[in-house]
Amino acid sequence: MDSRAAQIWLALSTCLLAAAATWVLPNPIVLVAFGIVPLALVFAFSNPFLLCLAFILFSFFRLHEAFPVLNPLHIPQMLAIGTLSVLATHLIFRRIEIAWSRELKLFAIFFVQVTIGMFFATGRDIAIGYWTDTYVKIGIMVFAIASLARRPADFAIAGRSIVIAGMAVSYVALYNRANEIGLVEGTRVTIGRSMGSILGDPNDLSLVLAFPLSFAVAQLLTPKSGFIGRTLGLIGTPVIIFAVLATQSRGGLLAIVAVFGVFGAQQIKSKALLAAIAVVGLIGLSAAAGIGGRQSGGAAESGLVDESAEGRFHAWGAAISMAIARPLTGVGLNNYVANYYYYSDWWEGFAKAVHSTWFSVLSESGFLGFGIFITMIVRMIQSAMKSVRDLSPAATGDAYDPYAYGMAQSVIAGIAGFIASGTFLTQGFTWPVYVLLALTVATKRYGEGLRPA
């Protein structure tokens, strides 16, 4: 069937379905829906990357929870169905070439190891629930984004969309702080706490906010990023920083310092001077965030090691005990909290979160999974640094593209922020590192495509 005949058949089918639907449901909205759906389908199948990107933005930034007016629309569910349908169709008709690299091979091994460990988890229902609700979607999207992001235009829209989403969540965070809505401990900002959103925890909120910072700074500092990019970077960078400060999360502050450290290293040759600036910057950010005024981990807690830090040490000790007890699979995906009582030597009457990416991966996937995960991170760093060199103005000359180079810079700075904030934030099985992985592979593939045959 040629394209003209296919268009006629689609139009005729839509008209017949619309007539049948309005006969069953005599409502003018039905006609409007049938007018929009075909256009939406055509757009989705023609732009699978944008559909995947929209799914990631809603899944990670929880935009429907930050803006409750979007909740009744069930946008994440619709995007999930649409994304999976479009990807399946493109794969069946072989319109997508699946990306494959050493980084993705390591991720695939880690994904399989975690999936097998799910069946040996101490709380199998908890592990299967998290795998089904979140982790399998992450696994699919890693390969989708790595395969579909192929052009500078893809990098441009991805970077800008991430910054805009970060600014939107930052606006809500700052609004809540100004109006004292949902504050924890009287000073720490949250979003959607009353509805049980993951943004209702200030540490998780700082994780979400810290992620787009590297993209905002890259938009601001990348040569020839254009008026839109510079404007987004100029506005987004301070807005996101102030929002992170409002969470009073030490992991968030470390992420800020790490992101700026990556960009600063390109201009400051002296490592000692760069380290000194980082220390001063961290002290200044801590003062601006009011860390000393926190009820937990603030100046009110006496001693060399405050109660908050002591609690983390005990949590990390419990994680090590879990890995020693189950070295091959750990206690299972999302099972740390459920096992805290049995492996901790310090009980306060409630289970504590691990508050560390590294100890989270160690406890929930064992020493085997931890080794694979660390190897994957190291490989990501190597590839991201190579992409920055290969896509820089000096290396590409007349072929220089600011969107590709900006994405490469965003990725390496984002990885640095992830590593630094991972000390206090639990993000081993959440979106940030895996989005960075996919974009690392995508920029690497683009850079390799520029090499002369």
Protein backbone atom coordinates (compact mmCIF):
# COMPACT_ATOMS: atom_id res chain seq x y z
CA MET A 1 0.00 0.00 0.00
CA ASP A 2 1.49 3.35 -1.04
CA SER A 3 1.56 6.37 1.26
CA ARG A 4 -1.36 8.08 -0.50
CA ALA A 5 -3.60 5.03 -0.11
CA ALA A 6 -2.50 4.66 3.52
CA GLN A 7 -3.49 8.26 4.23
CA ILE A 8 -6.92 7.77 2.64
CA TRP A 9 -7.45 4.55 4.59
CA LEU A 10 -6.45 6.24 7.87
CA ALA A 11 -8.80 9.17 7.23
CA LEU A 12 -11.70 6.88 6.31
CA SER A 13 -11.13 4.64 9.34
CA THR A 14 -11.00 7.64 11.66
CA CYS A 15 -14.25 9.04 10.28
CA LEU A 16 -16.03 5.69 10.68
CA LEU A 17 -14.74 5.26 14.24
CA ALA A 18 -15.73 8.83 15.10
CA ALA A 19 -19.23 8.27 13.74
CA ALA A 20 -19.61 5.05 15.73
CA ALA A 21 -18.29 6.67 18.90
CA THR A 22 -20.58 9.68 18.69
CA TRP A 23 -23.54 7.34 18.12
CA VAL A 24 -22.67 5.48 21.33
CA LEU A 25 -21.53 8.60 23.24
CA PRO A 26 -23.29 11.68 21.82
CA ASN A 27 -20.81 14.21 23.19
CA PRO A 28 -18.95 16.83 21.11
CA ILE A 29 -15.78 16.18 23.12
CA VAL A 30 -15.62 12.73 21.51
CA LEU A 31 -15.32 14.32 18.07
CA VAL A 32 -12.55 16.62 19.30
CA ALA A 33 -10.69 13.63 20.75
CA PHE A 34 -10.92 11.70 17.49
CA GLY A 35 -9.62 14.75 15.68
CA ILE A 36 -6.60 15.01 17.97
CA VAL A 37 -5.72 11.33 18.42
CA PRO A 38 -4.65 10.65 14.79
CA LEU A 39 -2.43 13.73 14.79
CA ALA A 40 -0.95 12.69 18.14
CA LEU A 41 -0.26 9.19 16.81
CA VAL A 42 1.43 10.52 13.68
CA PHE A 43 3.57 12.87 15.77
CA ALA A 44 4.49 10.14 18.25
CA PHE A 45 5.56 7.64 15.60
CA SER A 46 7.50 10.33 13.73
CA ASN A 47 9.25 11.62 16.88
CA PRO A 48 9.88 8.67 19.22
CA PHE A 49 12.76 10.49 20.91
CA LEU A 50 10.50 13.34 22.07
CA LEU A 51 7.99 10.84 23.45
CA CYS A 52 10.72 9.04 25.40
CA LEU A 53 12.06 12.35 26.67
CA ALA A 54 8.60 13.46 27.85
CA PHE A 55 8.17 10.16 29.68
CA ILE A 56 11.50 10.59 31.48
CA LEU A 57 10.73 14.20 32.45
CA PHE A 58 7.41 13.27 34.05
CA SER A 59 8.77 10.09 35.64
CA PHE A 60 11.85 11.70 37.18
CA PHE A 61 10.81 15.28 37.88
CA ARG A 62 7.31 14.21 38.99
CA LEU A 63 5.83 17.24 37.23
CA HIS A 64 2.29 15.98 37.80
CA GLU A 65 2.96 15.99 41.55
CA ALA A 66 4.68 19.37 41.56
CA PHE A 67 1.67 20.75 39.67
CA PRO A 68 -1.33 18.79 41.04
CA VAL A 69 -3.61 20.23 38.35
CA LEU A 70 -1.96 17.73 35.98
CA ASN A 71 -2.67 14.72 38.20
CA PRO A 72 -6.17 13.89 36.88
CA LEU A 73 -4.80 13.70 33.34
CA HIS A 74 -2.71 10.59 34.15
CA ILE A 75 0.03 11.86 31.86
CA PRO A 76 2.81 9.48 33.06
CA GLN A 77 0.59 6.45 32.43
CA MET A 78 -0.39 7.66 28.96
CA LEU A 79 3.21 8.45 28.11
CA ALA A 80 4.28 5.01 29.31
CA ILE A 81 1.73 3.27 27.10
CA GLY A 82 2.53 5.49 24.13
CA THR A 83 6.29 5.14 24.53
CA LEU A 84 6.24 1.35 24.79
CA SER A 85 3.83 1.07 21.83
CA VAL A 86 5.92 3.33 19.61
CA LEU A 87 9.20 1.63 20.56
CA ALA A 88 7.71 -1.82 19.96
CA THR A 89 6.41 -0.77 16.55
CA HIS A 90 9.74 0.72 15.49
CA LEU A 91 11.57 -2.40 16.65
CA ILE A 92 9.19 -4.75 14.82
CA PHE A 93 9.65 -2.83 11.57
CA ARG A 94 13.38 -2.37 12.28
CA ARG A 95 13.27 1.41 12.13
CA ILE A 96 15.52 1.70 15.18
CA GLU A 97 19.08 0.45 15.41
CA ILE A 98 19.65 -0.48 19.05
CA ALA A 99 22.78 1.14 20.44
CA TRP A 100 25.40 -1.13 21.97
CA SER A 101 28.64 -0.21 23.73
CA ARG A 102 30.81 -1.24 26.65
CA GLU A 103 28.85 1.05 28.94
CA LEU A 104 25.54 -0.49 27.88
CA LYS A 105 27.00 -3.99 28.16
CA LEU A 106 27.97 -3.27 31.79
CA PHE A 107 24.52 -1.83 32.45
CA ALA A 108 22.88 -4.90 30.90
CA ILE A 109 24.95 -7.19 33.14
CA PHE A 110 24.06 -5.12 36.20
CA PHE A 111 20.38 -5.06 35.21
CA VAL A 112 20.33 -8.85 34.84
CA GLN A 113 22.15 -9.30 38.15
CA VAL A 114 19.65 -7.07 39.95
CA THR A 115 16.75 -8.81 38.23
CA ILE A 116 17.99 -12.26 39.29
CA GLY A 117 18.60 -10.94 42.81
CA MET A 118 14.99 -9.78 42.88
CA PHE A 119 13.84 -13.41 43.09
CA PHE A 120 16.20 -14.08 46.01
CA ALA A 121 15.29 -10.87 47.86
CA THR A 122 14.33 -11.06 51.51
CA GLY A 123 11.16 -9.19 50.59
CA ARG A 124 10.41 -10.54 47.14
CA ASP A 125 7.14 -8.62 46.80
CA ILE A 126 8.92 -5.32 47.57
CA ALA A 127 11.67 -6.02 45.04
CA ILE A 128 9.28 -7.14 42.30
CA GLY A 129 7.04 -4.13 42.95
CA TYR A 130 9.90 -1.64 42.57
CA TRP A 131 11.30 -3.47 39.54
CA THR A 132 7.90 -3.42 37.83
CA ASP A 133 7.00 0.16 38.76
CA THR A 134 10.37 1.83 38.13
CA TYR A 135 13.47 -0.18 37.33
CA VAL A 136 12.28 -2.01 34.23
CA LYS A 137 11.17 1.35 32.79
CA ILE A 138 14.63 2.74 33.48
CA GLY A 139 16.16 -0.25 31.69
CA ILE A 140 14.02 0.29 28.60
CA MET A 141 14.62 4.04 28.51
CA VAL A 142 18.41 3.69 28.77
CA PHE A 143 18.53 1.82 25.47
CA ALA A 144 15.80 3.99 23.91
CA ILE A 145 17.52 7.32 24.62
CA ALA A 146 20.99 5.97 23.74
CA SER A 147 19.61 4.74 20.41
CA LEU A 148 17.30 7.63 19.49
CA ALA A 149 19.44 10.66 20.46
CA ARG A 150 21.55 10.88 17.33
CA ARG A 151 21.51 14.50 16.11
CA PRO A 152 22.60 17.83 17.59
CA ALA A 153 18.92 18.85 17.52
CA ASP A 154 18.14 15.92 19.84
CA PHE A 155 20.84 17.05 22.26
CA ALA A 156 19.56 20.62 22.14
CA ILE A 157 15.96 19.76 22.97
CA ALA A 158 17.01 17.26 25.65
CA GLY A 159 19.30 19.73 27.43
CA ARG A 160 16.82 22.58 27.28
CA SER A 161 13.88 20.42 28.33
CA ILE A 162 15.76 19.15 31.37
CA VAL A 163 16.62 22.72 32.39
CA ILE A 164 13.01 23.89 31.95
CA ALA A 165 11.71 20.96 34.00
CA GLY A 166 14.28 21.72 36.69
CA MET A 167 13.26 25.37 36.74
CA ALA A 168 9.58 24.40 37.05
CA VAL A 169 10.21 22.19 40.08
CA SER A 170 12.56 24.83 41.54
CA TYR A 171 9.81 27.45 41.25
CA VAL A 172 7.41 25.26 43.24
CA ALA A 173 10.10 24.56 45.84
CA LEU A 174 10.88 28.25 46.31
CA TYR A 175 7.16 29.10 46.42
CA ASN A 176 6.63 26.49 49.14
CA ARG A 177 9.61 27.83 51.09
CA ALA A 178 8.38 31.42 50.89
CA ASN A 179 4.89 30.39 52.01
CA GLU A 180 6.09 27.76 54.51
CA ILE A 181 4.19 24.94 52.80
CA GLY A 182 5.18 21.37 53.67
CA LEU A 183 8.37 22.28 55.50
CA VAL A 184 10.23 19.49 57.31
CA GLU A 185 11.86 20.33 60.64
CA GLY A 186 10.49 23.83 60.19
CA THR A 187 13.10 24.90 57.63
CA ARG A 188 13.58 22.24 54.92
CA VAL A 189 11.45 22.62 51.80
CA THR A 190 9.46 19.79 50.21
CA ILE A 191 6.90 19.38 47.42
CA GLY A 192 3.72 17.31 47.52
CA ARG A 193 4.38 15.96 50.99
CA SER A 194 0.67 15.82 51.81
CA MET A 195 0.00 13.56 48.80
CA GLY A 196 2.92 11.23 49.52
CA SER A 197 5.10 12.40 46.63
CA ILE A 198 8.75 11.33 46.54
CA LEU A 199 9.47 15.06 46.37
CA GLY A 200 8.04 15.22 49.89
CA ASP A 201 11.46 14.23 51.26
CA PRO A 202 13.95 17.15 51.17
CA ASN A 203 16.86 14.85 50.31
CA ASP A 204 14.99 13.28 47.40
CA LEU A 205 13.90 16.75 46.26
CA SER A 206 17.50 17.97 46.29
CA LEU A 207 18.44 14.93 44.18
CA VAL A 208 15.84 15.91 41.57
CA LEU A 209 16.94 19.55 41.62
CA ALA A 210 20.69 18.86 41.47
CA PHE A 211 20.36 16.80 38.28
CA PRO A 212 19.41 19.66 35.87
CA LEU A 213 22.05 22.01 37.31
CA SER A 214 24.84 20.62 35.12
CA PHE A 215 22.66 21.13 32.04
CA ALA A 216 21.83 24.72 33.05
CA VAL A 217 25.50 25.62 33.63
CA ALA A 218 26.45 24.01 30.32
CA GLN A 219 23.80 26.06 28.51
CA LEU A 220 25.32 29.18 30.09
CA LEU A 221 29.00 28.45 29.48
CA THR A 222 29.13 26.46 26.22
CA PRO A 223 30.47 28.62 23.36
CA LYS A 224 27.85 29.57 20.75
CA SER A 225 24.99 27.97 22.67
CA GLY A 226 22.63 30.58 21.24
CA PHE A 227 20.26 33.11 22.75
CA ILE A 228 17.76 30.54 24.03
CA GLY A 229 20.46 28.38 25.61
CA ARG A 230 22.22 31.32 27.26
CA THR A 231 18.93 32.69 28.58
CA LEU A 232 17.92 29.34 30.05
CA GLY A 233 21.35 28.97 31.63
CA LEU A 234 21.34 32.51 32.98
CA ILE A 235 17.94 32.11 34.62
CA GLY A 236 18.00 28.40 35.40
CA THR A 237 21.37 28.23 37.15
CA PRO A 238 20.61 30.59 40.08
CA VAL A 239 16.98 29.42 40.38
CA ILE A 240 18.02 25.77 40.70
CA ILE A 241 20.84 26.62 43.12
CA PHE A 242 18.50 28.58 45.41
CA ALA A 243 16.01 25.72 45.33
CA VAL A 244 18.71 23.20 46.31
CA LEU A 245 19.77 25.50 49.15
CA ALA A 246 16.17 25.54 50.36
CA THR A 247 16.26 21.77 50.86
CA GLN A 248 19.27 22.14 53.22
CA SER A 249 20.62 18.87 51.84
CA ARG A 250 24.35 18.36 52.24
CA GLY A 251 24.35 16.01 49.26
CA GLY A 252 22.78 18.75 47.15
CA LEU A 253 25.50 21.20 48.20
CA LEU A 254 28.20 18.72 47.24
CA ALA A 255 26.56 18.32 43.84
CA ILE A 256 26.64 22.09 43.26
CA VAL A 257 30.35 22.28 44.13
CA ALA A 258 31.16 19.26 41.94
CA VAL A 259 29.31 20.64 38.91
CA PHE A 260 31.05 24.00 39.08
CA GLY A 261 34.33 22.22 39.82
CA VAL A 262 34.18 20.45 36.45
CA PHE A 263 33.67 23.70 34.57
CA GLY A 264 36.21 25.49 36.76
CA ALA A 265 38.84 22.85 36.01
CA GLN A 266 38.74 23.93 32.35
CA GLN A 267 39.79 27.45 33.30
CA ILE A 268 41.89 26.99 36.47
CA LYS A 269 45.09 25.02 35.94
CA SER A 270 46.19 24.95 39.58
CA LYS A 271 44.54 21.99 41.32
CA ALA A 272 45.41 23.42 44.74
CA LEU A 273 43.67 26.70 43.91
CA LEU A 274 40.65 24.83 42.54
CA ALA A 275 40.43 22.71 45.70
CA ALA A 276 40.68 25.81 47.89
CA ILE A 277 37.90 27.52 45.94
CA ALA A 278 35.76 24.37 46.27
CA VAL A 279 36.22 24.29 50.06
CA VAL A 280 35.41 27.97 50.42
CA GLY A 281 32.43 27.56 48.11
CA LEU A 282 31.10 24.61 50.12
CA ILE A 283 31.42 26.58 53.37
CA GLY A 284 29.66 29.55 51.79
CA LEU A 285 26.85 27.38 50.40
CA SER A 286 26.40 25.70 53.80
CA ALA A 287 26.05 29.09 55.42
CA ALA A 288 23.63 30.31 52.73
CA ALA A 289 21.53 27.15 53.07
CA GLY A 290 21.39 27.51 56.83
CA ILE A 291 22.71 24.01 57.50
CA GLY A 292 23.61 25.12 61.03
CA GLY A 293 19.95 25.86 61.69
CA ARG A 294 18.74 22.36 60.82
CA GLN A 295 17.12 20.42 63.64
CA SER A 296 18.96 17.30 62.44
CA GLY A 297 22.61 17.70 61.57
CA GLY A 298 22.66 21.37 62.57
CA ALA A 299 24.57 23.41 65.11
CA ALA A 300 22.06 22.46 67.83
CA GLU A 301 23.51 18.94 67.90
CA SER A 302 26.67 18.92 69.97
CA GLY A 303 29.78 16.81 69.58
CA LEU A 304 32.36 16.22 66.91
CA VAL A 305 29.95 13.91 65.07
CA ASP A 306 26.35 15.15 65.15
CA GLU A 307 23.37 12.83 65.55
CA SER A 308 22.51 12.96 61.87
CA ALA A 309 26.02 11.91 60.83
CA GLU A 310 26.11 9.23 63.52
CA GLY A 311 22.84 7.84 62.21
CA ARG A 312 24.33 7.63 58.73
CA PHE A 313 27.36 5.73 60.02
CA HIS A 314 25.08 3.18 61.62
CA ALA A 315 23.01 2.98 58.40
CA TRP A 316 26.15 2.38 56.35
CA GLY A 317 27.31 -0.26 58.82
CA ALA A 318 23.99 -2.06 58.38
CA ALA A 319 24.47 -1.94 54.60
CA ILE A 320 27.89 -3.58 54.90
CA SER A 321 26.41 -6.30 57.13
CA MET A 322 23.71 -6.99 54.54
CA ALA A 323 26.31 -7.37 51.79
CA ILE A 324 28.45 -9.68 53.92
CA ALA A 325 25.43 -11.84 54.69
CA ARG A 326 24.33 -11.98 51.02
CA PRO A 327 27.42 -11.16 48.90
CA LEU A 328 26.06 -12.28 45.49
CA THR A 329 22.62 -10.69 45.43
CA GLY A 330 22.31 -8.46 48.50
CA VAL A 331 18.97 -8.19 50.28
CA GLY A 332 17.20 -7.29 47.04
CA LEU A 333 15.98 -4.25 45.18
CA ASN A 334 14.43 -1.59 47.47
CA ASN A 335 14.78 -3.90 50.48
CA TYR A 336 17.28 -1.97 52.60
CA VAL A 337 14.74 -0.32 54.91
CA ALA A 338 12.85 -3.58 55.46
CA ASN A 339 16.09 -5.24 56.60
CA TYR A 340 17.53 -2.42 58.67
CA TYR A 341 16.28 -3.80 62.00
CA TYR A 342 17.93 -7.19 61.44
CA TYR A 343 21.37 -5.89 60.44
CA SER A 344 21.81 -2.71 62.47
CA ASP A 345 23.48 -2.54 65.87
CA TRP A 346 21.68 0.70 66.69
CA TRP A 347 17.88 0.81 66.85
CA GLU A 348 15.90 4.00 67.47
CA GLY A 349 12.48 2.44 67.17
CA PHE A 350 12.20 2.99 63.40
CA ALA A 351 14.06 1.93 60.27
CA LYS A 352 16.41 4.48 58.71
CA ALA A 353 17.11 5.04 55.02
CA VAL A 354 20.68 4.35 53.91
CA HIS A 355 21.22 7.90 52.52
CA SER A 356 24.06 6.80 50.25
CA THR A 357 24.12 5.64 46.66
CA TRP A 358 27.15 3.45 47.18
CA PHE A 359 25.91 1.68 50.31
CA SER A 360 22.46 1.33 48.78
CA VAL A 361 23.86 -0.53 45.77
CA LEU A 362 26.14 -2.57 48.04
CA SER A 363 23.34 -3.69 50.35
CA GLU A 364 20.70 -4.33 47.69
CA SER A 365 22.86 -6.02 45.02
CA GLY A 366 25.74 -7.43 47.09
CA PHE A 367 29.46 -7.18 46.46
CA LEU A 368 28.99 -8.62 42.97
CA GLY A 369 26.48 -5.98 41.90
CA PHE A 370 28.49 -3.23 43.58
CA GLY A 371 31.60 -4.19 41.60
CA ILE A 372 29.67 -4.13 38.30
CA PHE A 373 28.06 -0.79 39.17
CA ILE A 374 31.39 0.87 40.03
CA THR A 375 32.96 -0.48 36.83
CA MET A 376 30.05 1.00 34.85
CA ILE A 377 30.55 4.41 36.50
CA VAL A 378 34.29 4.36 35.76
CA ARG A 379 33.59 3.50 32.13
CA MET A 380 31.05 6.31 31.93
CA ILE A 381 33.63 8.80 33.20
CA GLN A 382 36.20 7.67 30.63
CA SER A 383 33.73 7.90 27.73
CA ALA A 384 32.29 11.24 28.87
CA MET A 385 35.74 12.82 29.18
CA LYS A 386 36.66 11.53 25.73
CA SER A 387 33.47 13.01 24.26
CA VAL A 388 34.30 16.40 25.78
CA ARG A 389 37.69 16.30 24.09
CA ASP A 390 36.41 14.98 20.76
CA LEU A 391 33.51 17.46 20.50
CA SER A 392 35.36 20.55 21.72
CA PRO A 393 35.85 23.55 19.38
CA ALA A 394 39.58 22.85 19.20
CA ALA A 395 39.06 19.23 18.10
CA THR A 396 36.18 19.72 15.64
CA GLY A 397 37.11 23.02 14.01
CA ASP A 398 34.51 23.99 11.41
CA ALA A 399 32.44 20.91 12.33
CA TYR A 400 31.97 22.20 15.90
CA ASP A 401 28.41 21.94 17.14
CA PRO A 402 27.50 23.74 20.39
CA TYR A 403 24.57 21.41 21.16
CA ALA A 404 26.64 18.24 20.99
CA TYR A 405 29.52 19.80 22.94
CA GLY A 406 27.09 21.28 25.46
CA MET A 407 25.57 17.84 26.02
CA ALA A 408 29.03 16.32 26.49
CA GLN A 409 29.83 18.99 29.09
CA SER A 410 26.46 18.48 30.80
CA VAL A 411 27.08 14.76 31.07
CA ILE A 412 30.57 14.93 32.59
CA ALA A 413 29.48 17.62 35.05
CA GLY A 414 26.35 15.62 35.84
CA ILE A 415 28.43 12.51 36.56
CA ALA A 416 30.64 14.55 38.88
CA GLY A 417 27.57 15.86 40.69
CA PHE A 418 26.16 12.35 40.95
CA ILE A 419 29.38 10.97 42.44
CA ALA A 420 29.68 13.80 44.96
CA SER A 421 26.05 13.85 46.05
CA GLY A 422 25.99 10.05 46.16
CA THR A 423 27.67 10.29 49.57
CA PHE A 424 24.41 11.52 51.12
CA LEU A 425 21.71 10.85 48.51
CA THR A 426 20.31 7.45 47.54
CA GLN A 427 20.20 7.34 43.73
CA GLY A 428 21.66 3.98 42.72
CA PHE A 429 18.35 2.69 41.39
CA THR A 430 16.70 5.96 40.37
CA TRP A 431 16.70 7.90 37.10
CA PRO A 432 19.68 10.36 37.18
CA VAL A 433 22.68 8.08 36.66
CA TYR A 434 20.89 6.04 34.01
CA VAL A 435 19.81 9.10 32.02
CA LEU A 436 23.44 10.24 32.18
CA LEU A 437 24.51 6.78 31.02
CA ALA A 438 22.21 6.94 27.99
CA LEU A 439 23.36 10.44 27.07
CA THR A 440 27.00 9.42 27.56
CA VAL A 441 26.56 6.68 24.97
CA ALA A 442 24.61 8.98 22.64
CA THR A 443 27.27 11.72 22.65
CA LYS A 444 29.99 9.12 22.27
CA ARG A 445 28.27 7.64 19.21
CA TYR A 446 27.83 11.10 17.69
CA GLY A 447 31.49 11.94 18.27
CA GLU A 448 32.61 8.68 16.68
CA GLY A 449 30.46 9.49 13.67
CA LEU A 450 32.47 12.66 13.08
CA ARG A 451 35.73 10.75 12.65
CA PRO A 452 36.97 10.40 9.09
CA ALA A 453 36.46 6.91 7.67
